[in-house]
Amino acid sequence: MSANDDLDRRLIVATQAGLPLVPRPYHALAEQLGTTADEVMARMNAMLERGTIRRIGAVPNHYAIGYTANGMSVWDVPDERIDELGAMVGALDFVTHAYHRPRALPAWPYNLFAMVHGSSREEVLAKVAEIEALLGGDCRRHDVLFSTEILKKTGLRISNSAG
């Protein structure tokens, strides 16, 4: 393993639980890893471009910021329009993520999923009604699955050891 590969690995290990919660996180990482903030940022960008990492982003605790009703809206829309409709739904400011999933017929007819957060179930349902209006005749049916507990989301973790 080259020194460059080793630094990428150490950077992944150092950030896999999140960036340091300080005003200048890349500088803090650079100090921890014995490099420069510019090098940290360049490597993070290169790993994004290569697909080694998928994204760098904030993951808020929706409950802590007042969104206690969380509903995954699920939609049955024409497969041939899924990309277009998914982009429209995903662009709504109250949808945190939207994605295509395969149907599991006959029990599960839904192929478009969109996460909606609100301060009440009524607020979430009103936002879901906006999605339904946006989809118009392309919405054959839909449902909302409300969260009942917080699950900690984590991705793949690698160990600190080099082997």
N, C-alpha and C. Protein backbone atom coordinates (compact mmCIF):
# COMPACT_ATOMS: atom_id res chain seq x y z
N MET A 1 0.85 -1.18 0.00
CA MET A 1 0.00 0.00 0.00
C MET A 1 0.89 1.24 0.00
N SER A 2 0.61 2.17 -0.89
CA SER A 2 1.42 3.38 -0.97
C SER A 2 1.06 4.34 0.16
N ALA A 3 1.94 5.31 0.38
CA ALA A 3 1.68 6.33 1.41
C ALA A 3 0.41 7.10 1.08
N ASN A 4 0.16 7.34 -0.22
CA ASN A 4 -1.05 8.05 -0.61
C ASN A 4 -2.30 7.25 -0.27
N ASP A 5 -2.28 5.93 -0.56
CA ASP A 5 -3.41 5.08 -0.23
C ASP A 5 -3.60 5.03 1.28
N ASP A 6 -2.49 5.00 2.02
CA ASP A 6 -2.56 4.97 3.48
C ASP A 6 -3.21 6.24 4.02
N LEU A 7 -2.89 7.39 3.46
CA LEU A 7 -3.50 8.63 3.92
C LEU A 7 -5.00 8.65 3.61
N ASP A 8 -5.39 8.17 2.44
CA ASP A 8 -6.82 8.07 2.12
C ASP A 8 -7.53 7.19 3.15
N ARG A 9 -6.93 6.05 3.45
CA ARG A 9 -7.54 5.13 4.42
C ARG A 9 -7.66 5.79 5.79
N ARG A 10 -6.60 6.46 6.24
CA ARG A 10 -6.64 7.13 7.54
C ARG A 10 -7.68 8.25 7.54
N LEU A 11 -7.85 8.92 6.41
CA LEU A 11 -8.85 9.97 6.29
C LEU A 11 -10.26 9.38 6.39
N ILE A 12 -10.48 8.26 5.73
CA ILE A 12 -11.79 7.59 5.81
C ILE A 12 -12.07 7.16 7.25
N VAL A 13 -11.10 6.55 7.90
CA VAL A 13 -11.29 6.11 9.28
C VAL A 13 -11.59 7.32 10.18
N ALA A 14 -10.88 8.42 9.96
CA ALA A 14 -11.05 9.61 10.80
C ALA A 14 -12.40 10.28 10.59
N THR A 15 -13.03 10.07 9.43
CA THR A 15 -14.29 10.78 9.14
C THR A 15 -15.52 9.88 9.08
N GLN A 16 -15.37 8.58 9.20
CA GLN A 16 -16.52 7.70 9.00
C GLN A 16 -17.60 7.88 10.06
N ALA A 17 -17.29 8.42 11.21
CA ALA A 17 -18.32 8.71 12.21
C ALA A 17 -18.79 10.16 12.11
N GLY A 18 -18.24 10.91 11.16
CA GLY A 18 -18.62 12.30 10.96
C GLY A 18 -17.42 13.21 11.02
N LEU A 19 -17.59 14.40 10.46
CA LEU A 19 -16.54 15.41 10.53
C LEU A 19 -16.46 15.95 11.95
N PRO A 20 -15.29 16.42 12.36
CA PRO A 20 -15.20 17.04 13.69
C PRO A 20 -16.15 18.25 13.77
N LEU A 21 -16.83 18.38 14.89
CA LEU A 21 -17.79 19.48 15.08
C LEU A 21 -17.06 20.71 15.61
N VAL A 22 -16.27 21.29 14.73
CA VAL A 22 -15.48 22.49 15.02
C VAL A 22 -15.64 23.45 13.84
N PRO A 23 -15.32 24.73 14.03
CA PRO A 23 -15.49 25.69 12.93
C PRO A 23 -14.71 25.35 11.66
N ARG A 24 -13.55 24.70 11.79
CA ARG A 24 -12.73 24.37 10.62
C ARG A 24 -12.38 22.87 10.64
N PRO A 25 -13.35 22.02 10.28
CA PRO A 25 -13.14 20.57 10.41
C PRO A 25 -12.00 20.02 9.57
N TYR A 26 -11.78 20.56 8.37
CA TYR A 26 -10.71 20.03 7.52
C TYR A 26 -9.34 20.37 8.10
N HIS A 27 -9.24 21.50 8.76
CA HIS A 27 -7.99 21.87 9.43
C HIS A 27 -7.73 20.95 10.62
N ALA A 28 -8.80 20.63 11.36
CA ALA A 28 -8.66 19.71 12.50
C ALA A 28 -8.22 18.33 12.02
N LEU A 29 -8.80 17.86 10.93
CA LEU A 29 -8.40 16.56 10.37
C LEU A 29 -6.96 16.59 9.90
N ALA A 30 -6.58 17.68 9.25
CA ALA A 30 -5.20 17.81 8.76
C ALA A 30 -4.22 17.71 9.92
N GLU A 31 -4.53 18.40 11.00
CA GLU A 31 -3.64 18.35 12.17
C GLU A 31 -3.56 16.93 12.73
N GLN A 32 -4.70 16.27 12.82
CA GLN A 32 -4.75 14.90 13.33
C GLN A 32 -3.96 13.93 12.45
N LEU A 33 -3.99 14.15 11.13
CA LEU A 33 -3.37 13.22 10.19
C LEU A 33 -1.98 13.63 9.74
N GLY A 34 -1.52 14.80 10.18
CA GLY A 34 -0.18 15.24 9.83
C GLY A 34 -0.05 15.70 8.39
N THR A 35 -1.06 16.41 7.91
CA THR A 35 -1.03 16.93 6.54
C THR A 35 -1.64 18.32 6.54
N THR A 36 -1.99 18.84 5.37
CA THR A 36 -2.57 20.18 5.29
C THR A 36 -4.07 20.10 5.03
N ALA A 37 -4.79 21.16 5.35
CA ALA A 37 -6.23 21.22 5.09
C ALA A 37 -6.49 21.14 3.58
N ASP A 38 -5.63 21.79 2.79
CA ASP A 38 -5.80 21.71 1.33
C ASP A 38 -5.69 20.27 0.84
N GLU A 39 -4.75 19.51 1.41
CA GLU A 39 -4.59 18.11 1.03
C GLU A 39 -5.82 17.30 1.43
N VAL A 40 -6.34 17.55 2.64
CA VAL A 40 -7.55 16.85 3.09
C VAL A 40 -8.70 17.13 2.13
N MET A 41 -8.92 18.39 1.79
CA MET A 41 -10.02 18.75 0.89
C MET A 41 -9.82 18.15 -0.51
N ALA A 42 -8.59 18.18 -1.01
CA ALA A 42 -8.30 17.61 -2.34
C ALA A 42 -8.57 16.11 -2.34
N ARG A 43 -8.16 15.43 -1.29
CA ARG A 43 -8.35 13.98 -1.22
C ARG A 43 -9.84 13.63 -1.08
N MET A 44 -10.57 14.41 -0.29
CA MET A 44 -12.00 14.15 -0.14
C MET A 44 -12.70 14.33 -1.49
N ASN A 45 -12.35 15.39 -2.21
CA ASN A 45 -12.93 15.61 -3.54
C ASN A 45 -12.56 14.49 -4.50
N ALA A 46 -11.32 14.05 -4.47
CA ALA A 46 -10.89 12.97 -5.37
C ALA A 46 -11.63 11.67 -5.04
N MET A 47 -11.82 11.39 -3.75
CA MET A 47 -12.55 10.18 -3.37
C MET A 47 -14.02 10.27 -3.80
N LEU A 48 -14.60 11.47 -3.74
CA LEU A 48 -15.97 11.66 -4.25
C LEU A 48 -16.02 11.38 -5.74
N GLU A 49 -15.07 11.94 -6.49
CA GLU A 49 -15.04 11.77 -7.95
C GLU A 49 -14.84 10.31 -8.34
N ARG A 50 -14.03 9.57 -7.57
CA ARG A 50 -13.77 8.16 -7.87
C ARG A 50 -14.91 7.26 -7.39
N GLY A 51 -15.77 7.78 -6.54
CA GLY A 51 -16.84 6.96 -5.98
C GLY A 51 -16.42 6.18 -4.75
N THR A 52 -15.23 6.46 -4.22
CA THR A 52 -14.78 5.80 -2.99
C THR A 52 -15.70 6.18 -1.84
N ILE A 53 -16.10 7.46 -1.81
CA ILE A 53 -17.13 7.92 -0.88
C ILE A 53 -18.26 8.51 -1.72
N ARG A 54 -19.49 8.40 -1.23
CA ARG A 54 -20.63 8.85 -2.02
C ARG A 54 -21.00 10.30 -1.79
N ARG A 55 -20.82 10.79 -0.56
CA ARG A 55 -21.22 12.17 -0.29
C ARG A 55 -20.59 12.66 0.99
N ILE A 56 -20.58 13.96 1.11
CA ILE A 56 -20.21 14.63 2.34
C ILE A 56 -21.39 15.52 2.67
N GLY A 57 -22.04 15.29 3.78
CA GLY A 57 -23.22 16.09 4.10
C GLY A 57 -23.60 15.99 5.55
N ALA A 58 -24.43 16.92 5.95
CA ALA A 58 -24.95 16.94 7.32
C ALA A 58 -26.11 15.96 7.42
N VAL A 59 -26.20 15.27 8.53
CA VAL A 59 -27.31 14.38 8.82
C VAL A 59 -27.97 14.88 10.10
N PRO A 60 -29.00 15.72 9.97
CA PRO A 60 -29.61 16.28 11.17
C PRO A 60 -30.46 15.26 11.91
N ASN A 61 -30.61 15.48 13.20
CA ASN A 61 -31.54 14.70 14.00
C ASN A 61 -32.88 15.43 13.88
N HIS A 62 -33.78 14.91 13.07
CA HIS A 62 -35.04 15.59 12.79
C HIS A 62 -35.86 15.82 14.05
N TYR A 63 -35.80 14.89 14.98
CA TYR A 63 -36.55 15.06 16.22
C TYR A 63 -36.03 16.25 17.02
N ALA A 64 -34.70 16.40 17.05
CA ALA A 64 -34.10 17.49 17.83
C ALA A 64 -34.43 18.86 17.27
N ILE A 65 -34.73 18.94 15.97
CA ILE A 65 -35.06 20.24 15.39
C ILE A 65 -36.56 20.44 15.21
N GLY A 66 -37.35 19.58 15.85
CA GLY A 66 -38.79 19.79 15.90
C GLY A 66 -39.63 19.00 14.92
N TYR A 67 -39.00 18.19 14.08
CA TYR A 67 -39.77 17.38 13.14
C TYR A 67 -40.00 16.00 13.75
N THR A 68 -41.11 15.87 14.47
CA THR A 68 -41.38 14.64 15.20
C THR A 68 -42.28 13.67 14.44
N ALA A 69 -42.85 14.11 13.33
CA ALA A 69 -43.64 13.23 12.47
C ALA A 69 -42.83 13.02 11.20
N ASN A 70 -42.46 11.80 10.94
CA ASN A 70 -41.63 11.47 9.79
C ASN A 70 -42.32 10.38 9.00
N GLY A 71 -42.61 10.67 7.75
CA GLY A 71 -43.34 9.70 6.94
C GLY A 71 -42.65 9.41 5.63
N MET A 72 -42.45 8.13 5.38
CA MET A 72 -41.96 7.71 4.07
C MET A 72 -43.18 7.55 3.18
N SER A 73 -43.32 8.46 2.22
CA SER A 73 -44.43 8.34 1.28
C SER A 73 -43.99 7.39 0.17
N VAL A 74 -44.90 6.51 -0.21
CA VAL A 74 -44.60 5.51 -1.24
C VAL A 74 -45.65 5.65 -2.34
N TRP A 75 -45.18 5.58 -3.58
CA TRP A 75 -46.01 5.92 -4.73
C TRP A 75 -45.94 4.87 -5.81
N ASP A 76 -47.08 4.62 -6.42
CA ASP A 76 -47.17 3.74 -7.58
C ASP A 76 -47.31 4.65 -8.79
N VAL A 77 -46.21 4.80 -9.53
CA VAL A 77 -46.20 5.66 -10.72
C VAL A 77 -45.69 4.83 -11.90
N PRO A 78 -45.96 5.28 -13.13
CA PRO A 78 -45.50 4.52 -14.30
C PRO A 78 -43.97 4.39 -14.32
N ASP A 79 -43.50 3.18 -14.52
CA ASP A 79 -42.05 2.92 -14.54
C ASP A 79 -41.34 3.75 -15.60
N GLU A 80 -41.97 3.96 -16.73
CA GLU A 80 -41.32 4.69 -17.81
C GLU A 80 -41.15 6.18 -17.51
N ARG A 81 -41.78 6.67 -16.44
CA ARG A 81 -41.66 8.09 -16.08
C ARG A 81 -40.98 8.26 -14.72
N ILE A 82 -40.44 7.19 -14.15
CA ILE A 82 -39.91 7.23 -12.78
C ILE A 82 -38.80 8.27 -12.62
N ASP A 83 -37.90 8.38 -13.57
CA ASP A 83 -36.80 9.35 -13.44
C ASP A 83 -37.33 10.78 -13.41
N GLU A 84 -38.20 11.09 -14.33
CA GLU A 84 -38.78 12.44 -14.41
C GLU A 84 -39.60 12.77 -13.16
N LEU A 85 -40.48 11.85 -12.77
CA LEU A 85 -41.34 12.10 -11.61
C LEU A 85 -40.53 12.14 -10.32
N GLY A 86 -39.56 11.24 -10.20
CA GLY A 86 -38.70 11.24 -9.02
C GLY A 86 -37.93 12.53 -8.87
N ALA A 87 -37.44 13.08 -9.98
CA ALA A 87 -36.72 14.36 -9.93
C ALA A 87 -37.64 15.48 -9.49
N MET A 88 -38.88 15.46 -9.97
CA MET A 88 -39.84 16.50 -9.57
C MET A 88 -40.13 16.43 -8.07
N VAL A 89 -40.37 15.23 -7.58
CA VAL A 89 -40.68 15.04 -6.16
C VAL A 89 -39.45 15.37 -5.31
N GLY A 90 -38.28 14.90 -5.74
CA GLY A 90 -37.05 15.16 -4.99
C GLY A 90 -36.69 16.63 -4.92
N ALA A 91 -37.18 17.43 -5.85
CA ALA A 91 -36.87 18.86 -5.86
C ALA A 91 -37.73 19.66 -4.88
N LEU A 92 -38.76 19.06 -4.35
CA LEU A 92 -39.62 19.76 -3.38
C LEU A 92 -38.83 20.06 -2.12
N ASP A 93 -38.99 21.26 -1.57
CA ASP A 93 -38.17 21.65 -0.42
C ASP A 93 -38.48 20.87 0.84
N PHE A 94 -39.61 20.20 0.91
CA PHE A 94 -39.95 19.44 2.10
C PHE A 94 -39.66 17.94 1.97
N VAL A 95 -39.09 17.53 0.84
CA VAL A 95 -38.70 16.12 0.63
C VAL A 95 -37.20 16.04 0.87
N THR A 96 -36.78 15.24 1.86
CA THR A 96 -35.35 15.15 2.16
C THR A 96 -34.64 14.17 1.23
N HIS A 97 -35.31 13.16 0.77
CA HIS A 97 -34.72 12.28 -0.23
C HIS A 97 -35.83 11.50 -0.94
N ALA A 98 -35.60 11.25 -2.21
CA ALA A 98 -36.54 10.50 -3.04
C ALA A 98 -35.74 9.51 -3.86
N TYR A 99 -36.28 8.32 -4.02
CA TYR A 99 -35.55 7.31 -4.78
C TYR A 99 -36.48 6.25 -5.35
N HIS A 100 -35.97 5.56 -6.35
CA HIS A 100 -36.69 4.49 -7.03
C HIS A 100 -36.34 3.16 -6.37
N ARG A 101 -37.35 2.35 -6.12
CA ARG A 101 -37.15 0.99 -5.62
C ARG A 101 -38.03 0.06 -6.43
N PRO A 102 -37.59 -1.16 -6.63
CA PRO A 102 -38.41 -2.09 -7.41
C PRO A 102 -39.68 -2.49 -6.65
N ARG A 103 -40.70 -2.73 -7.41
CA ARG A 103 -41.96 -3.22 -6.83
C ARG A 103 -41.76 -4.67 -6.37
N ALA A 104 -42.62 -5.13 -5.45
CA ALA A 104 -42.64 -6.54 -5.04
C ALA A 104 -44.10 -7.00 -5.15
N LEU A 105 -44.51 -7.18 -6.40
CA LEU A 105 -45.90 -7.54 -6.67
C LEU A 105 -46.20 -8.96 -6.23
N PRO A 106 -47.41 -9.24 -5.80
CA PRO A 106 -48.56 -8.34 -5.77
C PRO A 106 -48.68 -7.53 -4.47
N ALA A 107 -47.88 -7.86 -3.47
CA ALA A 107 -48.06 -7.24 -2.15
C ALA A 107 -47.61 -5.78 -2.10
N TRP A 108 -46.61 -5.41 -2.88
CA TRP A 108 -46.01 -4.07 -2.77
C TRP A 108 -45.94 -3.43 -4.15
N PRO A 109 -46.92 -2.57 -4.49
CA PRO A 109 -46.96 -2.00 -5.84
C PRO A 109 -46.17 -0.71 -6.01
N TYR A 110 -45.50 -0.26 -4.97
CA TYR A 110 -44.88 1.08 -4.99
C TYR A 110 -43.46 1.05 -5.54
N ASN A 111 -43.13 2.08 -6.34
CA ASN A 111 -41.80 2.14 -6.95
C ASN A 111 -41.09 3.48 -6.72
N LEU A 112 -41.76 4.47 -6.15
CA LEU A 112 -41.15 5.76 -5.85
C LEU A 112 -41.33 6.03 -4.37
N PHE A 113 -40.22 6.35 -3.69
CA PHE A 113 -40.25 6.62 -2.26
C PHE A 113 -39.78 8.04 -2.03
N ALA A 114 -40.43 8.76 -1.10
CA ALA A 114 -40.04 10.13 -0.79
C ALA A 114 -40.25 10.39 0.70
N MET A 115 -39.17 10.77 1.39
CA MET A 115 -39.22 11.02 2.83
C MET A 115 -39.70 12.43 3.09
N VAL A 116 -40.71 12.54 3.95
CA VAL A 116 -41.30 13.83 4.32
C VAL A 116 -41.27 13.96 5.84
N HIS A 117 -40.83 15.12 6.32
CA HIS A 117 -40.78 15.38 7.76
C HIS A 117 -41.72 16.52 8.10
N GLY A 118 -42.29 16.48 9.29
CA GLY A 118 -43.16 17.56 9.75
C GLY A 118 -43.26 17.57 11.25
N SER A 119 -43.88 18.60 11.77
CA SER A 119 -44.05 18.70 13.22
C SER A 119 -45.27 17.93 13.71
N SER A 120 -46.10 17.45 12.77
CA SER A 120 -47.27 16.64 13.12
C SER A 120 -47.62 15.73 11.95
N ARG A 121 -48.40 14.69 12.23
CA ARG A 121 -48.85 13.81 11.15
C ARG A 121 -49.69 14.60 10.13
N GLU A 122 -50.48 15.53 10.65
CA GLU A 122 -51.32 16.34 9.76
C GLU A 122 -50.46 17.14 8.78
N GLU A 123 -49.36 17.71 9.27
CA GLU A 123 -48.46 18.46 8.40
C GLU A 123 -47.85 17.55 7.33
N VAL A 124 -47.42 16.36 7.73
CA VAL A 124 -46.85 15.42 6.77
C VAL A 124 -47.91 15.04 5.74
N LEU A 125 -49.12 14.74 6.18
CA LEU A 125 -50.18 14.36 5.25
C LEU A 125 -50.52 15.49 4.28
N ALA A 126 -50.46 16.75 4.74
CA ALA A 126 -50.69 17.89 3.85
C ALA A 126 -49.59 17.97 2.79
N LYS A 127 -48.35 17.70 3.19
CA LYS A 127 -47.25 17.71 2.22
C LYS A 127 -47.38 16.55 1.24
N VAL A 128 -47.82 15.40 1.72
CA VAL A 128 -48.05 14.25 0.84
C VAL A 128 -49.15 14.59 -0.17
N ALA A 129 -50.17 15.33 0.26
CA ALA A 129 -51.23 15.75 -0.67
C ALA A 129 -50.66 16.65 -1.76
N GLU A 130 -49.65 17.47 -1.41
CA GLU A 130 -49.00 18.30 -2.43
C GLU A 130 -48.27 17.44 -3.45
N ILE A 131 -47.62 16.38 -2.97
CA ILE A 131 -46.94 15.46 -3.90
C ILE A 131 -47.97 14.80 -4.82
N GLU A 132 -49.08 14.37 -4.24
CA GLU A 132 -50.13 13.73 -5.03
C GLU A 132 -50.64 14.67 -6.12
N ALA A 133 -50.84 15.94 -5.77
CA ALA A 133 -51.29 16.93 -6.76
C ALA A 133 -50.23 17.13 -7.85
N LEU A 134 -48.98 17.16 -7.47
CA LEU A 134 -47.89 17.32 -8.43
C LEU A 134 -47.85 16.14 -9.40
N LEU A 135 -48.03 14.93 -8.90
CA LEU A 135 -47.97 13.74 -9.73
C LEU A 135 -49.21 13.61 -10.62
N GLY A 136 -50.31 14.17 -10.17
CA GLY A 136 -51.54 14.15 -10.97
C GLY A 136 -51.94 12.75 -11.38
N GLY A 137 -52.28 12.60 -12.66
CA GLY A 137 -52.76 11.32 -13.17
C GLY A 137 -51.71 10.22 -13.16
N ASP A 138 -50.44 10.59 -12.95
CA ASP A 138 -49.39 9.56 -12.88
C ASP A 138 -49.38 8.84 -11.54
N CYS A 139 -50.12 9.37 -10.56
CA CYS A 139 -50.21 8.71 -9.25
C CYS A 139 -51.37 7.72 -9.29
N ARG A 140 -51.03 6.45 -9.30
CA ARG A 140 -52.07 5.43 -9.33
C ARG A 140 -52.55 5.08 -7.92
N ARG A 141 -51.65 5.14 -6.96
CA ARG A 141 -51.97 4.97 -5.54
C ARG A 141 -50.75 5.33 -4.73
N HIS A 142 -50.97 5.54 -3.43
CA HIS A 142 -49.85 5.89 -2.54
C HIS A 142 -50.21 5.54 -1.11
N ASP A 143 -49.22 5.61 -0.25
CA ASP A 143 -49.41 5.40 1.19
C ASP A 143 -48.32 6.17 1.91
N VAL A 144 -48.46 6.27 3.22
CA VAL A 144 -47.44 6.92 4.05
C VAL A 144 -47.13 5.98 5.21
N LEU A 145 -45.85 5.71 5.38
CA LEU A 145 -45.39 4.86 6.48
C LEU A 145 -44.72 5.78 7.50
N PHE A 146 -45.34 5.93 8.66
CA PHE A 146 -44.80 6.84 9.67
C PHE A 146 -43.79 6.12 10.55
N SER A 147 -42.72 6.84 10.90
CA SER A 147 -41.69 6.30 11.80
C SER A 147 -42.27 6.15 13.19
N THR A 148 -41.85 5.11 13.88
CA THR A 148 -42.27 4.91 15.26
C THR A 148 -41.10 5.02 16.23
N GLU A 149 -39.87 5.00 15.71
CA GLU A 149 -38.69 5.15 16.56
C GLU A 149 -37.53 5.64 15.71
N ILE A 150 -36.50 6.16 16.37
CA ILE A 150 -35.30 6.62 15.68
C ILE A 150 -34.34 5.45 15.57
N LEU A 151 -33.87 5.20 14.37
CA LEU A 151 -32.85 4.19 14.16
C LEU A 151 -31.57 4.90 13.74
N LYS A 152 -30.47 4.54 14.35
CA LYS A 152 -29.20 5.17 14.00
C LYS A 152 -28.75 4.64 12.66
N LYS A 153 -28.52 5.57 11.73
CA LYS A 153 -28.08 5.20 10.40
C LYS A 153 -26.56 5.27 10.33
N THR A 154 -25.94 4.18 9.95
CA THR A 154 -24.49 4.19 9.76
C THR A 154 -24.18 3.41 8.49
N GLY A 155 -23.13 3.78 7.86
CA GLY A 155 -22.67 3.06 6.69
C GLY A 155 -21.63 2.05 7.08
N LEU A 156 -20.98 1.51 6.08
CA LEU A 156 -19.90 0.57 6.29
C LEU A 156 -18.80 1.22 7.11
N ARG A 157 -18.26 0.52 8.07
CA ARG A 157 -17.16 1.02 8.89
C ARG A 157 -15.93 0.14 8.64
N ILE A 158 -14.78 0.78 8.49
CA ILE A 158 -13.55 0.01 8.37
C ILE A 158 -12.75 0.20 9.65
N SER A 159 -11.93 -0.77 9.94
CA SER A 159 -11.16 -0.70 11.18
C SER A 159 -9.96 0.21 11.00
N ASN A 160 -9.39 0.58 12.11
CA ASN A 160 -8.23 1.49 12.12
C ASN A 160 -6.96 0.76 11.73
N SER A 161 -6.96 -0.57 11.79
CA SER A 161 -5.74 -1.30 11.45
C SER A 161 -5.56 -1.35 9.94
N ALA A 162 -4.35 -1.42 9.51
CA ALA A 162 -4.03 -1.39 8.06
C ALA A 162 -4.19 -2.74 7.40
N GLY A 163 -4.40 -3.82 8.13
CA GLY A 163 -4.43 -5.14 7.51
C GLY A 163 -5.77 -5.56 7.24
